[in-house]
Amino acid sequence: MKKILIILSVLCALPLCVNAQDTFSLKLDYGEVSLSEVLASFTEQTGVTFSFEKSLGDMVLPGVHVRLDAASMETCVAAVLAGTGIDSQISGRMVALTKPAKSSSQITPPIFPPALDGNRRRF
């Protein structure tokens, strides 16, 4: 009985592993579309799942046109995320997506309107 449970445990874990030799076929052809819709199609075609914040899923992409055969998961993910500025981290068949934080050089300082009476404002 223990041997059967061990074998079942191993077999259940196999789909979660991705070998370096694993390849995927991916065909996406969308006009303006949300990232979550694109990723749902990606998951449906490959079995790869994604983890991301709702704000990323709501991001609207101007168009996604990807046709890949026998490509690595890294290649598929990179093709879908090209030009979005989204970072990915792959672990098995799970891909975590994050939007990189703005560096201090990218942060725009707030602009305050001048005081109407010509006096300087103090904050």
N, C-alpha and C. Protein backbone atom coordinates (compact mmCIF):
# COMPACT_ATOMS: atom_id res chain seq x y z
N MET A 1 0.82 -1.19 0.00
CA MET A 1 0.00 0.00 0.00
C MET A 1 0.87 1.26 0.00
N LYS A 2 1.96 1.25 0.80
CA LYS A 2 2.85 2.41 0.84
C LYS A 2 3.49 2.66 -0.52
N LYS A 3 3.84 1.58 -1.22
CA LYS A 3 4.47 1.72 -2.53
C LYS A 3 3.51 2.38 -3.52
N ILE A 4 2.25 2.03 -3.45
CA ILE A 4 1.25 2.62 -4.34
C ILE A 4 1.10 4.11 -4.05
N LEU A 5 1.06 4.49 -2.79
CA LEU A 5 0.94 5.90 -2.43
C LEU A 5 2.16 6.69 -2.88
N ILE A 6 3.32 6.11 -2.74
CA ILE A 6 4.55 6.79 -3.17
C ILE A 6 4.54 6.97 -4.68
N ILE A 7 4.16 5.93 -5.40
CA ILE A 7 4.11 6.02 -6.86
C ILE A 7 3.10 7.07 -7.30
N LEU A 8 1.91 7.07 -6.66
CA LEU A 8 0.90 8.08 -7.00
C LEU A 8 1.39 9.49 -6.70
N SER A 9 2.10 9.66 -5.59
CA SER A 9 2.63 10.98 -5.24
C SER A 9 3.61 11.47 -6.29
N VAL A 10 4.47 10.57 -6.74
CA VAL A 10 5.46 10.94 -7.75
C VAL A 10 4.77 11.27 -9.07
N LEU A 11 3.80 10.46 -9.47
CA LEU A 11 3.10 10.70 -10.73
C LEU A 11 2.31 12.00 -10.70
N CYS A 12 1.73 12.35 -9.56
CA CYS A 12 0.98 13.61 -9.45
C CYS A 12 1.90 14.81 -9.52
N ALA A 13 3.13 14.66 -9.08
CA ALA A 13 4.08 15.78 -9.08
C ALA A 13 4.72 15.98 -10.44
N LEU A 14 4.71 14.99 -11.30
CA LEU A 14 5.39 15.09 -12.59
C LEU A 14 4.91 16.25 -13.45
N PRO A 15 3.61 16.52 -13.57
CA PRO A 15 3.21 17.64 -14.42
C PRO A 15 3.71 19.00 -13.94
N LEU A 16 4.12 19.08 -12.67
CA LEU A 16 4.60 20.35 -12.14
C LEU A 16 6.04 20.63 -12.54
N CYS A 17 6.73 19.63 -13.02
CA CYS A 17 8.14 19.77 -13.38
C CYS A 17 8.27 20.08 -14.87
N VAL A 18 9.18 20.96 -15.18
CA VAL A 18 9.48 21.26 -16.58
C VAL A 18 10.95 20.99 -16.79
N ASN A 19 11.25 20.10 -17.70
CA ASN A 19 12.64 19.80 -18.02
C ASN A 19 13.16 20.80 -19.02
N ALA A 20 14.47 20.93 -19.06
CA ALA A 20 15.09 21.85 -20.00
C ALA A 20 14.73 21.49 -21.44
N GLN A 21 14.42 20.21 -21.69
CA GLN A 21 14.11 19.77 -23.05
C GLN A 21 12.64 19.97 -23.41
N ASP A 22 11.78 20.29 -22.43
CA ASP A 22 10.37 20.48 -22.70
C ASP A 22 10.17 21.65 -23.67
N THR A 23 9.31 21.42 -24.64
CA THR A 23 9.01 22.48 -25.60
C THR A 23 7.50 22.65 -25.69
N PHE A 24 7.10 23.82 -26.13
CA PHE A 24 5.70 24.19 -26.18
C PHE A 24 5.37 24.78 -27.53
N SER A 25 4.13 24.62 -27.93
CA SER A 25 3.60 25.31 -29.10
C SER A 25 2.61 26.34 -28.58
N LEU A 26 2.70 27.54 -29.10
CA LEU A 26 1.85 28.62 -28.62
C LEU A 26 1.41 29.46 -29.80
N LYS A 27 0.12 29.68 -29.91
CA LYS A 27 -0.43 30.51 -30.99
C LYS A 27 -1.41 31.50 -30.37
N LEU A 28 -1.03 32.77 -30.39
CA LEU A 28 -1.86 33.85 -29.86
C LEU A 28 -1.98 34.91 -30.94
N ASP A 29 -3.19 35.33 -31.20
CA ASP A 29 -3.42 36.37 -32.21
C ASP A 29 -4.56 37.26 -31.73
N TYR A 30 -4.19 38.35 -31.07
CA TYR A 30 -5.17 39.26 -30.49
C TYR A 30 -4.89 40.69 -30.92
N GLY A 31 -5.95 41.45 -31.07
CA GLY A 31 -5.84 42.90 -31.19
C GLY A 31 -5.71 43.43 -29.77
N GLU A 32 -6.35 44.54 -29.47
CA GLU A 32 -6.31 45.09 -28.12
C GLU A 32 -6.95 44.09 -27.16
N VAL A 33 -6.22 43.72 -26.10
CA VAL A 33 -6.66 42.64 -25.21
C VAL A 33 -6.04 42.82 -23.83
N SER A 34 -6.72 42.32 -22.80
CA SER A 34 -6.15 42.39 -21.45
C SER A 34 -5.10 41.29 -21.29
N LEU A 35 -4.13 41.57 -20.45
CA LEU A 35 -3.07 40.59 -20.20
C LEU A 35 -3.66 39.31 -19.62
N SER A 36 -4.67 39.41 -18.76
CA SER A 36 -5.25 38.21 -18.16
C SER A 36 -5.89 37.30 -19.21
N GLU A 37 -6.47 37.87 -20.25
CA GLU A 37 -7.06 37.06 -21.32
C GLU A 37 -5.96 36.33 -22.11
N VAL A 38 -4.88 37.02 -22.37
CA VAL A 38 -3.75 36.41 -23.07
C VAL A 38 -3.17 35.26 -22.24
N LEU A 39 -3.00 35.49 -20.94
CA LEU A 39 -2.41 34.47 -20.08
C LEU A 39 -3.35 33.27 -19.91
N ALA A 40 -4.66 33.50 -19.93
CA ALA A 40 -5.62 32.39 -19.86
C ALA A 40 -5.47 31.49 -21.08
N SER A 41 -5.30 32.09 -22.25
CA SER A 41 -5.09 31.32 -23.47
C SER A 41 -3.74 30.58 -23.42
N PHE A 42 -2.72 31.25 -22.91
CA PHE A 42 -1.40 30.64 -22.75
C PHE A 42 -1.52 29.40 -21.87
N THR A 43 -2.22 29.52 -20.75
CA THR A 43 -2.40 28.40 -19.83
C THR A 43 -3.17 27.26 -20.49
N GLU A 44 -4.21 27.61 -21.22
CA GLU A 44 -5.02 26.60 -21.90
C GLU A 44 -4.19 25.79 -22.91
N GLN A 45 -3.30 26.47 -23.61
CA GLN A 45 -2.50 25.80 -24.64
C GLN A 45 -1.31 25.02 -24.10
N THR A 46 -0.76 25.45 -22.97
CA THR A 46 0.50 24.86 -22.49
C THR A 46 0.42 24.17 -21.13
N GLY A 47 -0.58 24.51 -20.34
CA GLY A 47 -0.64 23.98 -18.98
C GLY A 47 0.19 24.78 -17.99
N VAL A 48 0.86 25.80 -18.46
CA VAL A 48 1.66 26.68 -17.60
C VAL A 48 0.72 27.67 -16.92
N THR A 49 0.87 27.86 -15.60
CA THR A 49 0.01 28.79 -14.88
C THR A 49 0.79 30.03 -14.47
N PHE A 50 0.04 31.10 -14.24
CA PHE A 50 0.64 32.39 -13.92
C PHE A 50 0.11 32.91 -12.60
N SER A 51 0.97 33.63 -11.91
CA SER A 51 0.61 34.31 -10.67
C SER A 51 0.93 35.78 -10.87
N PHE A 52 -0.07 36.66 -10.63
CA PHE A 52 0.16 38.08 -10.83
C PHE A 52 -0.89 38.89 -10.08
N GLU A 53 -0.58 40.15 -9.84
CA GLU A 53 -1.53 41.06 -9.19
C GLU A 53 -2.64 41.42 -10.17
N LYS A 54 -3.81 41.71 -9.64
CA LYS A 54 -4.96 42.06 -10.47
C LYS A 54 -4.65 43.24 -11.39
N SER A 55 -3.91 44.21 -10.90
CA SER A 55 -3.60 45.38 -11.72
C SER A 55 -2.82 45.00 -12.98
N LEU A 56 -1.98 43.98 -12.89
CA LEU A 56 -1.27 43.52 -14.09
C LEU A 56 -2.22 42.83 -15.04
N GLY A 57 -3.13 42.04 -14.51
CA GLY A 57 -4.09 41.33 -15.35
C GLY A 57 -5.01 42.28 -16.10
N ASP A 58 -5.27 43.43 -15.50
CA ASP A 58 -6.14 44.43 -16.14
C ASP A 58 -5.42 45.25 -17.20
N MET A 59 -4.10 45.12 -17.26
CA MET A 59 -3.32 45.88 -18.24
C MET A 59 -3.79 45.53 -19.66
N VAL A 60 -4.04 46.56 -20.45
CA VAL A 60 -4.49 46.35 -21.83
C VAL A 60 -3.29 46.41 -22.76
N LEU A 61 -3.14 45.36 -23.54
CA LEU A 61 -2.05 45.29 -24.51
C LEU A 61 -2.57 45.69 -25.88
N PRO A 62 -1.79 46.42 -26.67
CA PRO A 62 -2.25 46.88 -27.97
C PRO A 62 -2.43 45.76 -28.98
N GLY A 63 -1.75 44.66 -28.78
CA GLY A 63 -1.87 43.52 -29.68
C GLY A 63 -0.85 42.47 -29.31
N VAL A 64 -1.24 41.22 -29.42
CA VAL A 64 -0.32 40.11 -29.13
C VAL A 64 -0.43 39.14 -30.29
N HIS A 65 0.68 38.95 -30.98
CA HIS A 65 0.74 38.05 -32.14
C HIS A 65 1.96 37.16 -31.98
N VAL A 66 1.73 35.95 -31.48
CA VAL A 66 2.82 35.02 -31.20
C VAL A 66 2.48 33.67 -31.84
N ARG A 67 3.43 33.14 -32.58
CA ARG A 67 3.30 31.78 -33.14
C ARG A 67 4.64 31.09 -32.94
N LEU A 68 4.64 30.15 -32.01
CA LEU A 68 5.87 29.43 -31.68
C LEU A 68 5.60 27.94 -31.71
N ASP A 69 6.53 27.18 -32.26
CA ASP A 69 6.47 25.72 -32.25
C ASP A 69 7.77 25.19 -31.66
N ALA A 70 7.65 24.23 -30.79
CA ALA A 70 8.82 23.61 -30.16
C ALA A 70 9.73 24.64 -29.50
N ALA A 71 9.12 25.56 -28.75
CA ALA A 71 9.89 26.61 -28.08
C ALA A 71 9.95 26.33 -26.58
N SER A 72 11.00 26.80 -25.94
CA SER A 72 11.12 26.64 -24.49
C SER A 72 10.09 27.53 -23.79
N MET A 73 9.81 27.21 -22.54
CA MET A 73 8.87 28.04 -21.79
C MET A 73 9.40 29.46 -21.66
N GLU A 74 10.70 29.62 -21.47
CA GLU A 74 11.30 30.95 -21.34
C GLU A 74 11.07 31.76 -22.62
N THR A 75 11.21 31.13 -23.77
CA THR A 75 10.99 31.81 -25.05
C THR A 75 9.54 32.22 -25.20
N CYS A 76 8.62 31.33 -24.82
CA CYS A 76 7.18 31.64 -24.92
C CYS A 76 6.81 32.81 -24.02
N VAL A 77 7.27 32.77 -22.78
CA VAL A 77 6.96 33.85 -21.83
C VAL A 77 7.55 35.17 -22.31
N ALA A 78 8.79 35.14 -22.76
CA ALA A 78 9.45 36.36 -23.24
C ALA A 78 8.72 36.94 -24.44
N ALA A 79 8.23 36.09 -25.35
CA ALA A 79 7.52 36.58 -26.54
C ALA A 79 6.22 37.26 -26.16
N VAL A 80 5.51 36.71 -25.19
CA VAL A 80 4.22 37.29 -24.78
C VAL A 80 4.43 38.59 -24.02
N LEU A 81 5.47 38.67 -23.21
CA LEU A 81 5.68 39.85 -22.37
C LEU A 81 6.55 40.93 -23.02
N ALA A 82 7.01 40.70 -24.23
CA ALA A 82 7.89 41.67 -24.91
C ALA A 82 7.25 43.05 -24.95
N GLY A 83 7.99 44.04 -24.51
CA GLY A 83 7.54 45.42 -24.57
C GLY A 83 6.61 45.85 -23.45
N THR A 84 6.28 44.96 -22.51
CA THR A 84 5.35 45.32 -21.44
C THR A 84 6.06 45.88 -20.21
N GLY A 85 7.35 45.58 -20.07
CA GLY A 85 8.07 46.00 -18.87
C GLY A 85 7.80 45.11 -17.68
N ILE A 86 7.13 43.99 -17.90
CA ILE A 86 6.79 43.07 -16.82
C ILE A 86 7.93 42.06 -16.66
N ASP A 87 8.31 41.81 -15.40
CA ASP A 87 9.33 40.83 -15.09
C ASP A 87 8.67 39.48 -14.82
N SER A 88 9.38 38.40 -15.12
CA SER A 88 8.85 37.06 -14.86
C SER A 88 9.88 36.23 -14.13
N GLN A 89 9.37 35.32 -13.30
CA GLN A 89 10.22 34.36 -12.62
C GLN A 89 9.55 33.00 -12.78
N ILE A 90 10.27 32.05 -13.37
CA ILE A 90 9.72 30.75 -13.68
C ILE A 90 10.17 29.72 -12.66
N SER A 91 9.21 28.94 -12.17
CA SER A 91 9.50 27.86 -11.24
C SER A 91 8.61 26.69 -11.61
N GLY A 92 9.20 25.67 -12.22
CA GLY A 92 8.41 24.54 -12.69
C GLY A 92 7.46 25.00 -13.78
N ARG A 93 6.17 24.73 -13.59
CA ARG A 93 5.15 25.17 -14.55
C ARG A 93 4.39 26.39 -14.05
N MET A 94 5.00 27.13 -13.12
CA MET A 94 4.40 28.34 -12.57
C MET A 94 5.27 29.53 -12.95
N VAL A 95 4.62 30.61 -13.41
CA VAL A 95 5.34 31.83 -13.77
C VAL A 95 4.77 32.96 -12.92
N ALA A 96 5.62 33.60 -12.12
CA ALA A 96 5.22 34.74 -11.31
C ALA A 96 5.56 36.01 -12.09
N LEU A 97 4.59 36.90 -12.22
CA LEU A 97 4.78 38.15 -12.95
C LEU A 97 4.76 39.32 -11.99
N THR A 98 5.68 40.25 -12.19
CA THR A 98 5.73 41.46 -11.38
C THR A 98 6.08 42.65 -12.25
N LYS A 99 5.55 43.79 -11.87
CA LYS A 99 5.90 45.04 -12.53
C LYS A 99 7.08 45.60 -11.76
N PRO A 100 8.18 45.90 -12.43
CA PRO A 100 9.35 46.40 -11.69
C PRO A 100 9.05 47.76 -11.05
N ALA A 101 9.58 47.94 -9.86
CA ALA A 101 9.41 49.23 -9.16
C ALA A 101 10.19 50.30 -9.91
N LYS A 102 9.67 51.50 -9.88
CA LYS A 102 10.38 52.61 -10.53
C LYS A 102 11.61 52.96 -9.73
N SER A 103 12.70 53.18 -10.42
CA SER A 103 13.91 53.62 -9.72
C SER A 103 13.76 55.11 -9.42
N SER A 104 14.58 55.61 -8.55
CA SER A 104 14.46 57.02 -8.15
C SER A 104 14.64 57.96 -9.33
N SER A 105 15.37 57.53 -10.36
CA SER A 105 15.56 58.39 -11.53
C SER A 105 14.31 58.41 -12.41
N GLN A 106 13.40 57.43 -12.25
CA GLN A 106 12.20 57.38 -13.06
C GLN A 106 11.01 58.05 -12.37
N ILE A 107 11.12 58.32 -11.08
CA ILE A 107 10.01 58.91 -10.35
C ILE A 107 9.92 60.39 -10.68
N THR A 108 8.74 60.80 -11.10
CA THR A 108 8.52 62.19 -11.44
C THR A 108 8.11 62.94 -10.18
N PRO A 109 8.83 64.02 -9.83
CA PRO A 109 8.45 64.77 -8.63
C PRO A 109 7.12 65.49 -8.88
N PRO A 110 6.33 65.67 -7.82
CA PRO A 110 5.06 66.36 -8.00
C PRO A 110 5.28 67.82 -8.41
N ILE A 111 4.37 68.34 -9.20
CA ILE A 111 4.43 69.73 -9.64
C ILE A 111 3.30 70.48 -8.95
N PHE A 112 3.68 71.51 -8.22
CA PHE A 112 2.68 72.30 -7.52
C PHE A 112 2.48 73.61 -8.27
N PRO A 113 1.23 74.04 -8.40
CA PRO A 113 0.99 75.31 -9.08
C PRO A 113 1.56 76.46 -8.24
N PRO A 114 1.97 77.52 -8.89
CA PRO A 114 2.51 78.66 -8.13
C PRO A 114 1.40 79.30 -7.30
N ALA A 115 1.79 79.89 -6.20
CA ALA A 115 0.82 80.59 -5.36
C ALA A 115 0.28 81.78 -6.15
N LEU A 116 -1.01 81.98 -6.06
CA LEU A 116 -1.64 83.06 -6.83
C LEU A 116 -1.23 84.44 -6.34
N ASP A 117 -0.88 84.56 -5.07
CA ASP A 117 -0.51 85.87 -4.54
C ASP A 117 0.99 86.15 -4.66
N GLY A 118 1.73 85.28 -5.32
CA GLY A 118 3.16 85.51 -5.51
C GLY A 118 3.99 85.08 -4.33
N ASN A 119 3.39 84.66 -3.25
CA ASN A 119 4.15 84.22 -2.08
C ASN A 119 4.56 82.77 -2.24
N ARG A 120 5.63 82.41 -1.59
CA ARG A 120 6.09 81.02 -1.64
C ARG A 120 5.23 80.17 -0.73
N ARG A 121 5.01 78.98 -1.15
CA ARG A 121 4.22 78.04 -0.34
C ARG A 121 5.16 77.27 0.58
N ARG A 122 4.69 77.00 1.77
CA ARG A 122 5.45 76.17 2.72
C ARG A 122 4.65 74.91 2.97
N PHE A 123 5.35 73.82 2.98
CA PHE A 123 4.68 72.53 3.23
C PHE A 123 5.28 71.88 4.43
